[in-house]
C-alpha atoms as a PDB file:
ATOM      1  CA  MET A   1      12.351 109.942  25.783  1.00  0.00           C
ATOM      2  CA  ALA A   2       9.879 108.496  23.326  1.00  0.00           C
ATOM      3  CA  LEU A   3       8.737 110.918  20.648  1.00  0.00           C
ATOM      4  CA  LEU A   4       5.250 112.352  20.818  1.00  0.00           C
ATOM      5  CA  ARG A   5       3.175 111.783  17.727  1.00  0.00           C
ATOM      6  CA  ALA A   6       0.462 114.174  16.667  1.00  0.00           C
ATOM      7  CA  PRO A   7      -2.660 113.118  14.736  1.00  0.00           C
ATOM      8  CA  ARG A   8      -2.106 113.205  11.002  1.00  0.00           C
ATOM      9  CA  ASP A   9      -4.012 114.779   8.106  1.00  0.00           C
ATOM     10  CA  ARG A  10      -6.266 116.994  10.204  1.00  0.00           C
ATOM     11  CA  VAL A  11      -8.226 119.626   8.320  1.00  0.00           C
ATOM     12  CA  VAL A  12      -7.248 123.105   9.477  1.00  0.00           C
ATOM     13  CA  PRO A  13      -8.401 126.486   8.174  1.00  0.00           C
ATOM     14  CA  LYS A  14      -6.224 128.474   5.836  1.00  0.00           C
ATOM     15  CA  TYR A  15      -6.189 131.399   8.295  1.00  0.00           C
ATOM     16  CA  PRO A  16      -8.557 133.005  10.829  1.00  0.00           C
ATOM     17  CA  GLN A  17     -10.805 135.982  10.097  1.00  0.00           C
ATOM     18  CA  CYS A  18      -8.685 138.366  12.184  1.00  0.00           C
ATOM     19  CA  LEU A  19      -5.680 137.900   9.894  1.00  0.00           C
ATOM     20  CA  GLU A  20      -7.422 138.072   6.539  1.00  0.00           C
ATOM     21  CA  ALA A  21      -5.713 141.356   5.651  1.00  0.00           C
ATOM     22  CA  MET A  22      -2.235 139.916   6.073  1.00  0.00           C
ATOM     23  CA  ASP A  23      -0.272 137.141   4.535  1.00  0.00           C
ATOM     24  CA  LEU A  24      -0.335 134.454   7.199  1.00  0.00           C
ATOM     25  CA  LEU A  25       2.391 132.378   5.615  1.00  0.00           C
ATOM     26  CA  GLU A  26       4.766 135.331   5.571  1.00  0.00           C
ATOM     27  CA  GLN A  27       4.096 135.944   9.256  1.00  0.00           C
ATOM     28  CA  LEU A  28       4.784 132.298  10.093  1.00  0.00           C
ATOM     29  CA  LEU A  29       8.047 132.392   8.139  1.00  0.00           C
ATOM     30  CA  GLU A  30       8.978 135.626   9.896  1.00  0.00           C
ATOM     31  CA  ASP A  31       8.398 133.953  13.297  1.00  0.00           C
ATOM     32  CA  CYS A  32      10.591 131.034  12.252  1.00  0.00           C
ATOM     33  CA  HIS A  33      13.440 133.279  11.172  1.00  0.00           C
ATOM     34  CA  ARG A  34      13.187 135.397  14.331  1.00  0.00           C
ATOM     35  CA  LEU A  35      13.484 132.241  16.471  1.00  0.00           C
ATOM     36  CA  GLY A  36      16.374 130.862  14.417  1.00  0.00           C
ATOM     37  CA  ILE A  37      14.297 128.071  12.883  1.00  0.00           C
ATOM     38  CA  ALA A  38      15.147 126.975   9.352  1.00  0.00           C
ATOM     39  CA  PRO A  39      11.614 126.251   8.034  1.00  0.00           C
ATOM     40  CA  ARG A  40      11.029 123.094   6.052  1.00  0.00           C
ATOM     41  CA  HIS A  41       7.321 122.359   5.871  1.00  0.00           C
ATOM     42  CA  LEU A  42       6.353 126.032   5.645  1.00  0.00           C
ATOM     43  CA  GLN A  43       8.372 126.259   2.454  1.00  0.00           C
ATOM     44  CA  ASP A  44       6.658 123.286   0.834  1.00  0.00           C
ATOM     45  CA  ALA A  45       4.501 123.881  -2.231  1.00  0.00           C
ATOM     46  CA  GLY A  46       1.284 123.269  -0.302  1.00  0.00           C
ATOM     47  CA  ALA A  47       2.082 125.631   2.581  1.00  0.00           C
ATOM     48  CA  GLU A  48       0.585 128.670   0.860  1.00  0.00           C
ATOM     49  CA  ALA A  49      -2.818 126.952   0.609  1.00  0.00           C
ATOM     50  CA  ALA A  50      -2.639 125.470   4.136  1.00  0.00           C
ATOM     51  CA  PRO A  51      -0.167 127.463   6.236  1.00  0.00           C
ATOM     52  CA  VAL A  52      -1.551 126.275   9.587  1.00  0.00           C
ATOM     53  CA  LYS A  53      -1.040 122.654   8.567  1.00  0.00           C
ATOM     54  CA  GLY A  54       2.541 123.549   7.618  1.00  0.00           C
ATOM     55  CA  LEU A  55       2.974 125.197  11.013  1.00  0.00           C
ATOM     56  CA  LEU A  56       1.818 122.061  12.847  1.00  0.00           C
ATOM     57  CA  LYS A  57       4.235 119.905  10.850  1.00  0.00           C
ATOM     58  CA  GLU A  58       7.019 122.404  11.619  1.00  0.00           C
ATOM     59  CA  ALA A  59       6.323 122.156  15.360  1.00  0.00           C
ATOM     60  CA  GLN A  60       6.089 118.380  15.248  1.00  0.00           C
ATOM     61  CA  GLY A  61       9.407 118.130  13.441  1.00  0.00           C
ATOM     62  CA  LEU A  62      11.058 120.277  16.100  1.00  0.00           C
ATOM     63  CA  TRP A  63       9.862 118.256  19.102  1.00  0.00           C
ATOM     64  CA  GLN A  64      10.733 115.009  17.365  1.00  0.00           C
ATOM     65  CA  GLU A  65      14.290 116.344  17.145  1.00  0.00           C
ATOM     66  CA  GLY A  66      14.218 117.004  20.895  1.00  0.00           C
ATOM     67  CA  ARG A  67      13.709 120.764  20.462  1.00  0.00           C
ATOM     68  CA  ALA A  68      10.354 120.972  22.215  1.00  0.00           C
ATOM     69  CA  GLU A  69      11.212 124.335  23.817  1.00  0.00           C
ATOM     70  CA  LEU A  70      11.741 125.890  20.394  1.00  0.00           C
ATOM     71  CA  ALA A  71       8.533 124.309  19.042  1.00  0.00           C
ATOM     72  CA  LEU A  72       6.651 125.754  22.004  1.00  0.00           C
ATOM     73  CA  GLN A  73       8.107 129.214  21.394  1.00  0.00           C
ATOM     74  CA  LEU A  74       6.976 129.052  17.762  1.00  0.00           C
ATOM     75  CA  LEU A  75       3.419 128.020  18.656  1.00  0.00           C
ATOM     76  CA  GLU A  76       3.173 130.656  21.385  1.00  0.00           C
ATOM     77  CA  ALA A  77       4.449 133.300  18.987  1.00  0.00           C
ATOM     78  CA  VAL A  78       1.752 132.612  16.400  1.00  0.00           C
ATOM     79  CA  GLU A  79      -0.922 132.523  19.131  1.00  0.00           C
ATOM     80  CA  ALA A  80       0.333 135.903  20.344  1.00  0.00           C
ATOM     81  CA  ARG A  81      -0.372 137.215  16.827  1.00  0.00           C
ATOM     82  CA  GLY A  82      -4.001 136.190  17.256  1.00  0.00           C
ATOM     83  CA  LEU A  83      -3.964 132.822  15.516  1.00  0.00           C
ATOM     84  CA  ARG A  84      -6.184 130.495  17.579  1.00  0.00           C
ATOM     85  CA  HIS A  85      -6.955 126.903  16.643  1.00  0.00           C
ATOM     86  CA  GLY A  86      -7.593 123.691  18.557  1.00  0.00           C
ATOM     87  CA  TRP A  87      -4.773 121.760  16.880  1.00  0.00           C
ATOM     88  CA  ILE A  88      -2.291 124.504  17.702  1.00  0.00           C
ATOM     89  CA  ALA A  89      -3.362 124.200  21.347  1.00  0.00           C
ATOM     90  CA  ASP A  90      -3.017 120.408  21.132  1.00  0.00           C
ATOM     91  CA  HIS A  91       0.497 120.671  19.730  1.00  0.00           C
ATOM     92  CA  ARG A  92       1.410 123.210  22.395  1.00  0.00           C
ATOM     93  CA  ALA A  93       0.272 120.704  25.025  1.00  0.00           C
ATOM     94  CA  ARG A  94       2.451 118.012  23.450  1.00  0.00           C
ATOM     95  CA  CYS A  95       5.457 120.315  23.702  1.00  0.00           C
ATOM     96  CA  LEU A  96       4.626 121.055  27.339  1.00  0.00           C
ATOM     97  CA  LEU A  97       4.410 117.347  28.100  1.00  0.00           C
ATOM     98  CA  GLN A  98       7.824 116.705  26.569  1.00  0.00           C
ATOM     99  CA  LEU A  99       9.138 119.556  28.736  1.00  0.00           C
ATOM    100  CA  GLN A 100       7.688 117.839  31.848  1.00  0.00           C
ATOM    101  CA  ARG A 101       5.077 120.584  32.331  1.00  0.00           C
ATOM    102  CA  ARG A 102       2.355 118.011  32.763  1.00  0.00           C
ATOM    103  CA  GLU A 103      -0.231 120.090  34.620  1.00  0.00           C
ATOM    104  CA  GLU A 104      -0.265 122.773  31.922  1.00  0.00           C
ATOM    105  CA  ALA A 105      -0.575 120.148  29.209  1.00  0.00           C
ATOM    106  CA  GLU A 106      -3.395 118.400  31.057  1.00  0.00           C
ATOM    107  CA  ALA A 107      -5.321 121.663  31.457  1.00  0.00           C
ATOM    108  CA  ILE A 108      -5.196 122.236  27.686  1.00  0.00           C
ATOM    109  CA  TRP A 109      -6.386 118.718  26.886  1.00  0.00           C
ATOM    110  CA  GLN A 110      -9.163 118.940  29.466  1.00  0.00           C
ATOM    111  CA  GLN A 111     -10.435 122.023  27.669  1.00  0.00           C
ATOM    112  CA  LEU A 112     -10.164 120.385  24.237  1.00  0.00           C
ATOM    113  CA  ALA A 113     -11.894 117.223  25.483  1.00  0.00           C
ATOM    114  CA  ALA A 114     -14.868 119.329  26.497  1.00  0.00           C
ATOM    115  CA  GLY A 115     -15.103 121.002  23.076  1.00  0.00           C
ATOM    116  CA  GLN A 116     -17.279 120.308  20.034  1.00  0.00           C
ATOM    117  CA  ASP A 117     -14.656 119.079  17.555  1.00  0.00           C
ATOM    118  CA  ASP A 118     -14.880 115.265  17.568  1.00  0.00           C
ATOM    119  CA  ALA A 119     -11.362 114.702  16.225  1.00  0.00           C
ATOM    120  CA  LEU A 120      -9.852 117.050  18.785  1.00  0.00           C
ATOM    121  CA  LYS A 121     -11.904 115.468  21.580  1.00  0.00           C
ATOM    122  CA  THR A 122     -10.682 112.009  20.618  1.00  0.00           C
ATOM    123  CA  ALA A 123      -7.048 113.103  20.509  1.00  0.00           C
ATOM    124  CA  ALA A 124      -7.336 114.992  23.803  1.00  0.00           C
ATOM    125  CA  GLN A 125      -9.015 112.073  25.550  1.00  0.00           C
ATOM    126  CA  ALA A 126      -6.249 109.762  24.359  1.00  0.00           C
ATOM    127  CA  MET A 127      -3.592 112.074  25.775  1.00  0.00           C
ATOM    128  CA  LEU A 128      -5.462 112.417  29.071  1.00  0.00           C
ATOM    129  CA  LYS A 129      -5.565 108.632  29.258  1.00  0.00           C
ATOM    130  CA  ARG A 130      -1.831 108.577  28.667  1.00  0.00           C
ATOM    131  CA  LEU A 131      -1.271 111.028  31.520  1.00  0.00           C
ATOM    132  CA  GLN A 132      -3.404 108.852  33.778  1.00  0.00           C
ATOM    133  CA  LEU A 133      -1.383 105.747  32.900  1.00  0.00           C
ATOM    134  CA  GLU A 134       1.890 107.537  33.500  1.00  0.00           C
ATOM    135  CA  ALA A 135       0.664 108.737  36.895  1.00  0.00           C
ATOM    136  CA  GLN A 136      -0.166 105.181  37.938  1.00  0.00           C
ATOM    137  CA  GLN A 137       3.169 103.707  36.809  1.00  0.00           C
ATOM    138  CA  PRO A 138       4.657 103.340  40.318  1.00  0.00           C
ATOM    139  CA  ALA A 139       1.550 101.531  41.596  1.00  0.00           C
ATOM    140  CA  PHE A 140       1.443  99.294  38.529  1.00  0.00           C
ATOM    141  CA  LEU A 141       5.127  98.470  38.818  1.00  0.00           C
ATOM    142  CA  ALA A 142       4.640  97.459  42.458  1.00  0.00           C
ATOM    143  CA  ALA A 143       1.741  95.197  41.436  1.00  0.00           C
ATOM    144  CA  ALA A 144       3.832  93.674  38.614  1.00  0.00           C
ATOM    145  CA  GLN A 145       6.725  93.007  41.006  1.00  0.00           C
ATOM    146  CA  GLN A 146       4.344  91.310  43.433  1.00  0.00           C
ATOM    147  CA  LEU A 147       2.903  89.238  40.582  1.00  0.00           C
ATOM    148  CA  ALA A 148       6.395  88.161  39.473  1.00  0.00           C
ATOM    149  CA  ALA A 149       7.284  87.198  43.031  1.00  0.00           C
ATOM    150  CA  SER A 150       4.213  84.944  43.181  1.00  0.00           C
ATOM    151  CA  PHE A 151       5.776  83.007  40.278  1.00  0.00           C
ATOM    152  CA  ASP A 152       9.219  83.058  41.946  1.00  0.00           C
ATOM    153  CA  LEU A 153      10.442  85.422  39.233  1.00  0.00           C
ATOM    154  CA  ARG A 154      11.943  88.895  38.994  1.00  0.00           C
ATOM    155  CA  LEU A 155      11.086  91.521  36.426  1.00  0.00           C
ATOM    156  CA  GLN A 156      13.720  91.791  33.683  1.00  0.00           C
ATOM    157  CA  ARG A 157      12.612  94.731  31.529  1.00  0.00           C
ATOM    158  CA  LEU A 158      10.374  96.903  33.707  1.00  0.00           C
ATOM    159  CA  THR A 159      12.304  99.343  35.899  1.00  0.00           C
ATOM    160  CA  ALA A 160      11.413 101.916  38.529  1.00  0.00           C
ATOM    161  CA  GLU A 161      12.433 104.745  36.200  1.00  0.00           C
ATOM    162  CA  GLN A 162       9.423 106.865  35.169  1.00  0.00           C
ATOM    163  CA  GLN A 163       8.835 106.539  31.419  1.00  0.00           C
ATOM    164  CA  PRO A 164       6.401 107.936  28.853  1.00  0.00           C
ATOM    165  CA  SER A 165       3.464 105.567  28.436  1.00  0.00           C
ATOM    166  CA  PRO A 166       4.496 104.252  24.972  1.00  0.00           C
ATOM    167  CA  ALA A 167       7.977 103.361  26.256  1.00  0.00           C
ATOM    168  CA  PHE A 168       6.525 101.727  29.365  1.00  0.00           C
ATOM    169  CA  GLU A 169       4.130  99.635  27.261  1.00  0.00           C
ATOM    170  CA  HIS A 170       7.056  98.594  25.078  1.00  0.00           C
ATOM    171  CA  ALA A 171       8.901  97.409  28.193  1.00  0.00           C
ATOM    172  CA  LEU A 172       5.771  95.506  29.198  1.00  0.00           C
ATOM    173  CA  LEU A 173       5.767  93.720  25.845  1.00  0.00           C
ATOM    174  CA  GLU A 174       9.459  92.856  26.185  1.00  0.00           C
ATOM    175  CA  GLU A 175       8.766  91.470  29.668  1.00  0.00           C
ATOM    176  CA  ALA A 176       5.944  89.294  28.323  1.00  0.00           C
ATOM    177  CA  ILE A 177       8.043  88.015  25.412  1.00  0.00           C
ATOM    178  CA  ALA A 178      11.010  87.249  27.676  1.00  0.00           C
ATOM    179  CA  ALA A 179       8.728  85.295  30.008  1.00  0.00           C
ATOM    180  CA  ARG A 180       7.327  83.195  27.164  1.00  0.00           C
ATOM    181  CA  GLU A 181      10.780  82.494  25.808  1.00  0.00           C
ATOM    182  CA  ALA A 182      11.775  81.294  29.290  1.00  0.00           C
ATOM    183  CA  ASP A 183       8.788  78.888  29.346  1.00  0.00           C
ATOM    184  CA  GLN A 184       6.945  81.123  31.811  1.00  0.00           C
ATOM    185  CA  ALA A 185       3.783  81.501  29.744  1.00  0.00           C
ATOM    186  CA  GLU A 186       1.533  81.591  32.812  1.00  0.00           C
ATOM    187  CA  PHE A 187       3.377  84.631  34.176  1.00  0.00           C
ATOM    188  CA  SER A 188       3.363  86.251  30.725  1.00  0.00           C
ATOM    189  CA  LEU A 189      -0.407  85.776  30.537  1.00  0.00           C
ATOM    190  CA  ALA A 190      -0.960  87.077  34.071  1.00  0.00           C
ATOM    191  CA  LEU A 191       1.175  90.163  33.357  1.00  0.00           C
ATOM    192  CA  MET A 192      -0.783  90.973  30.193  1.00  0.00           C
ATOM    193  CA  ASP A 193      -4.070  90.483  32.056  1.00  0.00           C
ATOM    194  CA  LEU A 194      -2.859  92.898  34.747  1.00  0.00           C
ATOM    195  CA  ALA A 195      -1.817  95.491  32.164  1.00  0.00           C
ATOM    196  CA  LEU A 196      -5.135  95.317  30.308  1.00  0.00           C
ATOM    197  CA  GLU A 197      -7.065  95.447  33.582  1.00  0.00           C
ATOM    198  CA  LYS A 198      -5.207  98.635  34.579  1.00  0.00           C
ATOM    199  CA  GLY A 199      -6.083 100.370  31.317  1.00  0.00           C
ATOM    200  CA  TYR A 200      -3.063  99.885  29.048  1.00  0.00           C
ATOM    201  CA  GLN A 201      -4.449  99.766  25.525  1.00  0.00           C
ATOM    202  CA  SER A 202      -1.761  98.765  23.049  1.00  0.00           C
ATOM    203  CA  PRO A 203      -3.171  96.039  20.754  1.00  0.00           C
ATOM    204  CA  TRP A 204       0.165  94.257  21.049  1.00  0.00           C
ATOM    205  CA  LEU A 205      -0.586  93.554  24.713  1.00  0.00           C
ATOM    206  CA  GLN A 206      -3.602  91.544  23.559  1.00  0.00           C
ATOM    207  CA  ASP A 207      -1.445  89.856  20.920  1.00  0.00           C
ATOM    208  CA  ASN A 208       1.105  88.774  23.517  1.00  0.00           C
ATOM    209  CA  ARG A 209      -1.701  87.596  25.760  1.00  0.00           C
ATOM    210  CA  ALA A 210      -2.981  85.410  22.917  1.00  0.00           C
ATOM    211  CA  ARG A 211       0.480  84.003  22.245  1.00  0.00           C
ATOM    212  CA  ALA A 212       0.818  83.029  25.903  1.00  0.00           C
ATOM    213  CA  LEU A 213      -2.559  81.275  25.671  1.00  0.00           C
ATOM    214  CA  VAL A 214      -1.356  79.315  22.638  1.00  0.00           C
ATOM    215  CA  GLN A 215       1.756  78.273  24.551  1.00  0.00           C
ATOM    216  CA  LEU A 216      -0.562  77.055  27.324  1.00  0.00           C
ATOM    217  CA  GLU A 217      -2.550  75.051  24.727  1.00  0.00           C
ATOM    218  CA  ARG A 218      -5.614  77.307  25.034  1.00  0.00           C
ATOM    219  CA  ALA A 219      -6.052  78.008  21.323  1.00  0.00           C
ATOM    220  CA  GLU A 220      -9.781  78.782  21.522  1.00  0.00           C
ATOM    221  CA  GLU A 221      -9.189  81.620  23.991  1.00  0.00           C
ATOM    222  CA  ALA A 222      -6.211  82.834  21.964  1.00  0.00           C
ATOM    223  CA  CYS A 223      -8.308  83.099  18.810  1.00  0.00           C
ATOM    224  CA  ASP A 224     -10.995  84.998  20.730  1.00  0.00           C
ATOM    225  CA  ALA A 225      -8.317  87.415  21.937  1.00  0.00           C
ATOM    226  CA  TRP A 226      -7.020  87.965  18.409  1.00  0.00           C
ATOM    227  CA  ARG A 227     -10.549  88.553  17.108  1.00  0.00           C
ATOM    228  CA  GLY A 228     -11.056  91.184  19.784  1.00  0.00           C
ATOM    229  CA  MET A 229      -7.741  92.765  18.876  1.00  0.00           C
ATOM    230  CA  ALA A 230      -8.731  92.999  15.200  1.00  0.00           C
ATOM    231  CA  ALA A 231     -12.209  94.339  16.012  1.00  0.00           C
ATOM    232  CA  ALA A 232     -10.709  97.172  18.068  1.00  0.00           C
ATOM    233  CA  SER A 233      -8.211  98.274  15.390  1.00  0.00           C
ATOM    234  CA  ASP A 234      -8.391  99.515  11.814  1.00  0.00           C
ATOM    235  CA  ASP A 235      -4.665  98.924  11.281  1.00  0.00           C
ATOM    236  CA  THR A 236      -4.200  96.865   8.105  1.00  0.00           C
ATOM    237  CA  GLU A 237      -1.028  95.279   9.489  1.00  0.00           C
ATOM    238  CA  ILE A 238      -2.946  94.015  12.522  1.00  0.00           C
ATOM    239  CA  GLN A 239      -5.869  92.831  10.410  1.00  0.00           C
ATOM    240  CA  SER A 240      -3.573  90.855   8.106  1.00  0.00           C
ATOM    241  CA  MET A 241      -1.604  89.337  10.985  1.00  0.00           C
ATOM    242  CA  VAL A 242      -4.764  88.275  12.845  1.00  0.00           C
ATOM    243  CA  GLU A 243      -6.240  86.710   9.716  1.00  0.00           C
ATOM    244  CA  GLY A 244      -3.130  84.565   9.303  1.00  0.00           C
ATOM    245  CA  LEU A 245      -3.050  83.532  12.964  1.00  0.00           C
ATOM    246  CA  LEU A 246      -6.738  82.617  13.022  1.00  0.00           C
ATOM    247  CA  GLY A 247      -6.230  80.446   9.953  1.00  0.00           C
ATOM    248  CA  HIS A 248      -3.217  78.743  11.502  1.00  0.00           C
ATOM    249  CA  TYR A 249      -4.922  77.915  14.808  1.00  0.00           C
ATOM    250  CA  TYR A 250      -8.459  77.359  13.488  1.00  0.00           C
ATOM    251  CA  TYR A 251      -8.595  73.571  13.814  1.00  0.00           C
ATOM    252  CA  ALA A 252      -6.971  73.507  17.256  1.00  0.00           C
ATOM    253  CA  ALA A 253      -9.413  76.179  18.437  1.00  0.00           C
ATOM    254  CA  GLU A 254     -12.405  74.309  17.010  1.00  0.00           C
ATOM    255  CA  ARG A 255     -11.347  71.064  18.711  1.00  0.00           C
ATOM    256  CA  GLN A 256     -11.098  72.845  22.028  1.00  0.00           C
ATOM    257  CA  ARG A 257     -14.400  74.606  21.482  1.00  0.00           C
ATOM    258  CA  ASN A 258     -16.186  71.335  20.709  1.00  0.00           C
ATOM    259  CA  GLN A 259     -14.643  69.687  23.747  1.00  0.00           C
ATOM    260  CA  ARG A 260     -15.681  72.595  25.965  1.00  0.00           C
ATOM    261  CA  LEU A 261     -19.252  72.479  24.681  1.00  0.00           C
ATOM    262  CA  ALA A 262     -19.314  68.713  25.178  1.00  0.00           C
ATOM    263  CA  LEU A 263     -18.168  69.070  28.791  1.00  0.00           C
ATOM    264  CA  GLU A 264     -20.827  71.713  29.408  1.00  0.00           C
ATOM    265  CA  ARG A 265     -23.497  69.395  27.977  1.00  0.00           C
ATOM    266  CA  VAL A 266     -22.310  66.509  30.144  1.00  0.00           C
ATOM    267  CA  ARG A 267     -22.340  68.692  33.282  1.00  0.00           C
ATOM    268  CA  GLN A 268     -25.893  69.775  32.525  1.00  0.00           C
ATOM    269  CA  ALA A 269     -26.976  66.148  32.038  1.00  0.00           C
ATOM    270  CA  GLU A 270     -25.273  65.101  35.267  1.00  0.00           C
ATOM    271  CA  ALA A 271     -27.149  67.844  37.106  1.00  0.00           C
ATOM    272  CA  MET A 272     -30.409  66.504  35.627  1.00  0.00           C
ATOM    273  CA  ALA A 273     -29.491  62.988  36.739  1.00  0.00           C
ATOM    274  CA  ARG A 274     -28.745  64.146  40.285  1.00  0.00           C
ATOM    275  CA  SER A 275     -32.172  65.758  40.459  1.00  0.00           C
ATOM    276  CA  GLY A 276     -33.854  62.529  39.324  1.00  0.00           C
ATOM    277  CA  GLN A 277     -34.390  63.528  35.681  1.00  0.00           C
ATOM    278  CA  LEU A 278     -32.570  60.499  34.310  1.00  0.00           C
ATOM    279  CA  ASN A 279     -34.592  60.097  31.128  1.00  0.00           C
ATOM    280  CA  GLN A 280     -34.176  63.763  30.267  1.00  0.00           C
ATOM    281  CA  ALA A 281     -30.432  63.460  30.890  1.00  0.00           C
ATOM    282  CA  VAL A 282     -30.239  60.452  28.557  1.00  0.00           C
ATOM    283  CA  SER A 283     -32.184  62.306  25.854  1.00  0.00           C
ATOM    284  CA  SER A 284     -29.967  65.373  26.168  1.00  0.00           C
ATOM    285  CA  LEU A 285     -26.742  63.397  25.780  1.00  0.00           C
ATOM    286  CA  ARG A 286     -28.209  61.273  22.989  1.00  0.00           C
ATOM    287  CA  ASP A 287     -28.977  64.451  21.031  1.00  0.00           C
ATOM    288  CA  ALA A 288     -25.497  65.783  21.752  1.00  0.00           C
ATOM    289  CA  LEU A 289     -23.940  62.547  20.499  1.00  0.00           C
ATOM    290  CA  LEU A 290     -25.964  62.771  17.297  1.00  0.00           C
ATOM    291  CA  MET A 291     -24.500  66.236  16.708  1.00  0.00           C
ATOM    292  CA  ASP A 292     -20.954  65.157  17.590  1.00  0.00           C
ATOM    293  CA  PRO A 293     -20.723  61.370  17.119  1.00  0.00           C
ATOM    294  CA  ASP A 294     -16.937  61.321  17.591  1.00  0.00           C
ATOM    295  CA  SER A 295     -17.036  62.908  21.050  1.00  0.00           C
ATOM    296  CA  ASP A 296     -15.608  60.555  23.670  1.00  0.00           C
ATOM    297  CA  VAL A 297     -16.610  63.067  26.357  1.00  0.00           C
ATOM    298  CA  ILE A 298     -20.299  62.885  25.472  1.00  0.00           C
ATOM    299  CA  GLU A 299     -20.225  59.110  25.024  1.00  0.00           C
ATOM    300  CA  MET A 300     -18.658  58.570  28.450  1.00  0.00           C
ATOM    301  CA  GLY A 301     -21.149  60.994  29.976  1.00  0.00           C
ATOM    302  CA  LEU A 302     -24.038  59.062  28.464  1.00  0.00           C
ATOM    303  CA  LEU A 303     -22.499  55.811  29.665  1.00  0.00           C
ATOM    304  CA  SER A 304     -22.338  57.204  33.222  1.00  0.00           C
ATOM    305  CA  VAL A 305     -25.974  58.362  33.191  1.00  0.00           C
ATOM    306  CA  LEU A 306     -27.168  55.024  31.787  1.00  0.00           C
ATOM    307  CA  GLN A 307     -25.160  53.248  34.488  1.00  0.00           C
ATOM    308  CA  LYS A 308     -26.976  55.232  37.155  1.00  0.00           C
ATOM    309  CA  ARG A 309     -30.369  54.555  35.573  1.00  0.00           C
ATOM    310  CA  ARG A 310     -29.703  50.824  35.373  1.00  0.00           C
ATOM    311  CA  SER A 311     -28.623  50.740  39.018  1.00  0.00           C
ATOM    312  CA  LEU A 312     -31.940  52.268  40.046  1.00  0.00           C
ATOM    313  CA  GLU A 313     -34.092  50.163  37.729  1.00  0.00           C
ATOM    314  CA  ASP A 314     -32.379  46.769  38.132  1.00  0.00           C
ATOM    315  CA  SER A 315     -31.576  45.544  41.647  1.00  0.00           C
ATOM    316  CA  SER A 316     -29.323  42.780  40.268  1.00  0.00           C
ATOM    317  CA  TRP A 317     -27.294  45.167  38.085  1.00  0.00           C
ATOM    318  CA  GLY A 318     -24.474  45.446  40.623  1.00  0.00           C
ATOM    319  CA  ALA A 319     -23.868  41.685  40.464  1.00  0.00           C
ATOM    320  CA  ILE A 320     -22.872  41.872  36.794  1.00  0.00           C
ATOM    321  CA  PRO A 321     -19.096  42.150  36.179  1.00  0.00           C
ATOM    322  CA  ASP A 322     -17.878  45.626  35.254  1.00  0.00           C
ATOM    323  CA  TRP A 323     -16.655  44.591  31.817  1.00  0.00           C
ATOM    324  CA  LEU A 324     -20.038  43.083  31.009  1.00  0.00           C
ATOM    325  CA  GLN A 325     -21.845  46.169  32.279  1.00  0.00           C
ATOM    326  CA  TYR A 326     -19.710  48.273  29.962  1.00  0.00           C
ATOM    327  CA  GLN A 327     -20.494  46.038  26.990  1.00  0.00           C
ATOM    328  CA  GLU A 328     -24.218  46.074  27.637  1.00  0.00           C
ATOM    329  CA  LEU A 329     -24.357  49.831  28.157  1.00  0.00           C
ATOM    330  CA  SER A 330     -22.356  50.353  24.953  1.00  0.00           C
ATOM    331  CA  VAL A 331     -24.951  48.298  23.086  1.00  0.00           C
ATOM    332  CA  GLU A 332     -27.718  50.340  24.715  1.00  0.00           C
ATOM    333  CA  ILE A 333     -26.092  53.567  23.538  1.00  0.00           C
ATOM    334  CA  SER A 334     -26.035  52.223  19.980  1.00  0.00           C
ATOM    335  CA  GLU A 335     -29.693  51.225  20.246  1.00  0.00           C
ATOM    336  CA  ILE A 336     -30.716  54.609  21.678  1.00  0.00           C
ATOM    337  CA  VAL A 337     -28.895  56.506  18.955  1.00  0.00           C
ATOM    338  CA  PHE A 338     -30.160  54.231  16.170  1.00  0.00           C
ATOM    339  CA  SER A 339     -33.729  54.499  17.466  1.00  0.00           C
ATOM    340  CA  GLU A 340     -33.577  58.294  17.384  1.00  0.00           C
ATOM    341  CA  ILE A 341     -32.083  58.337  13.881  1.00  0.00           C
ATOM    342  CA  SER A 342     -34.797  55.977  12.702  1.00  0.00           C
ATOM    343  CA  ALA A 343     -37.506  58.156  14.233  1.00  0.00           C
ATOM    344  CA  GLN A 344     -36.067  61.254  12.569  1.00  0.00           C
ATOM    345  CA  LEU A 345     -36.069  59.426   9.224  1.00  0.00           C
ATOM    346  CA  GLY A 346     -39.716  58.487   9.698  1.00  0.00           C
ATOM    347  CA  ALA A 347     -39.450  54.808  10.601  1.00  0.00           C
ATOM    348  CA  THR A 348     -42.629  53.133  11.890  1.00  0.00           C
ATOM    349  CA  PRO A 349     -42.767  51.437  15.343  1.00  0.00           C
ATOM    350  CA  THR A 350     -42.011  48.138  13.577  1.00  0.00           C
ATOM    351  CA  GLY A 351     -38.755  49.632  12.287  1.00  0.00           C
ATOM    352  CA  ARG A 352     -39.882  49.934   8.683  1.00  0.00           C
ATOM    353  CA  PHE A 353     -38.998  53.050   6.773  1.00  0.00           C
ATOM    354  CA  PRO A 354     -41.480  54.703   4.420  1.00  0.00           C
ATOM    355  CA  SER A 355     -41.027  53.630   0.836  1.00  0.00           C
ATOM    356  CA  VAL A 356     -39.386  56.108  -1.484  1.00  0.00           C
ATOM    357  CA  LYS A 357     -41.535  56.806  -4.544  1.00  0.00           C
END
């Protein structure tokens, strides 16, 4: 079973008002000894100033060793003494979850999520989300199996065995990586899309989605996915990795972006031409070509619109050989572009430019 991880470095009170007359640390050590626990964190130098923090670390260490029952007994013992704190309740819920007492754990987190402490609310909401994901595992697995079958594949890493959400997400990542390595990037992408749609939130799902997009030669979308991944995380490792990947795929992404924008501009011009706005379509593509003079997509779009305009304006145009039509329209494109450049530079109708003083 994957280890539960509690939030780190939370500020907790030294001790509650009801125990001011007693040495809280001594009581916590007494509880440990009574339960047969050899205390580690409660004997650290800082435990006297922050005994509750030491207690939480003690409980976390126990459940990470697979002794969740003992950690729960310790937390319940100190609560029985009158020590009440939200993070103690949170840690008790984590022990209950590891002991498969999900309903009790959920009830605690529901209460904490409705409280006033923002840090506790955030932690509780995250654990409630985890419980929700674990509850939907069978339905998700069925959907993933159906998705794999649509690609004539079988799942390799995901199994019907119920797993904690972190372990299940790890299996999802392994499935996506295995698919990419088997040249099944489309399935890898579809699986990551399904996982994200169903609420799985690991940033590495988005990373694997982006890597599948790169394999499918969709670098612009991949870079967008990585940017979203970085924006949603404050992890320095993720930030550094994304920065490197964006730099590596920048030029490929920009080429695809420019091509996409060019295609959109051509489609808009073609729609204008179909509605009879031929001159407006020509002007739109001329302006686009001025902005991106190396775009074959825009040039061919302009050629097509000019071809249609000539056919409507010149009844003998169809009698001209195709190769000659192409040559003449190419010359017209050059003239249209040059005329606009000249106008922008302030040339007079005679083609003379203003003198430079």
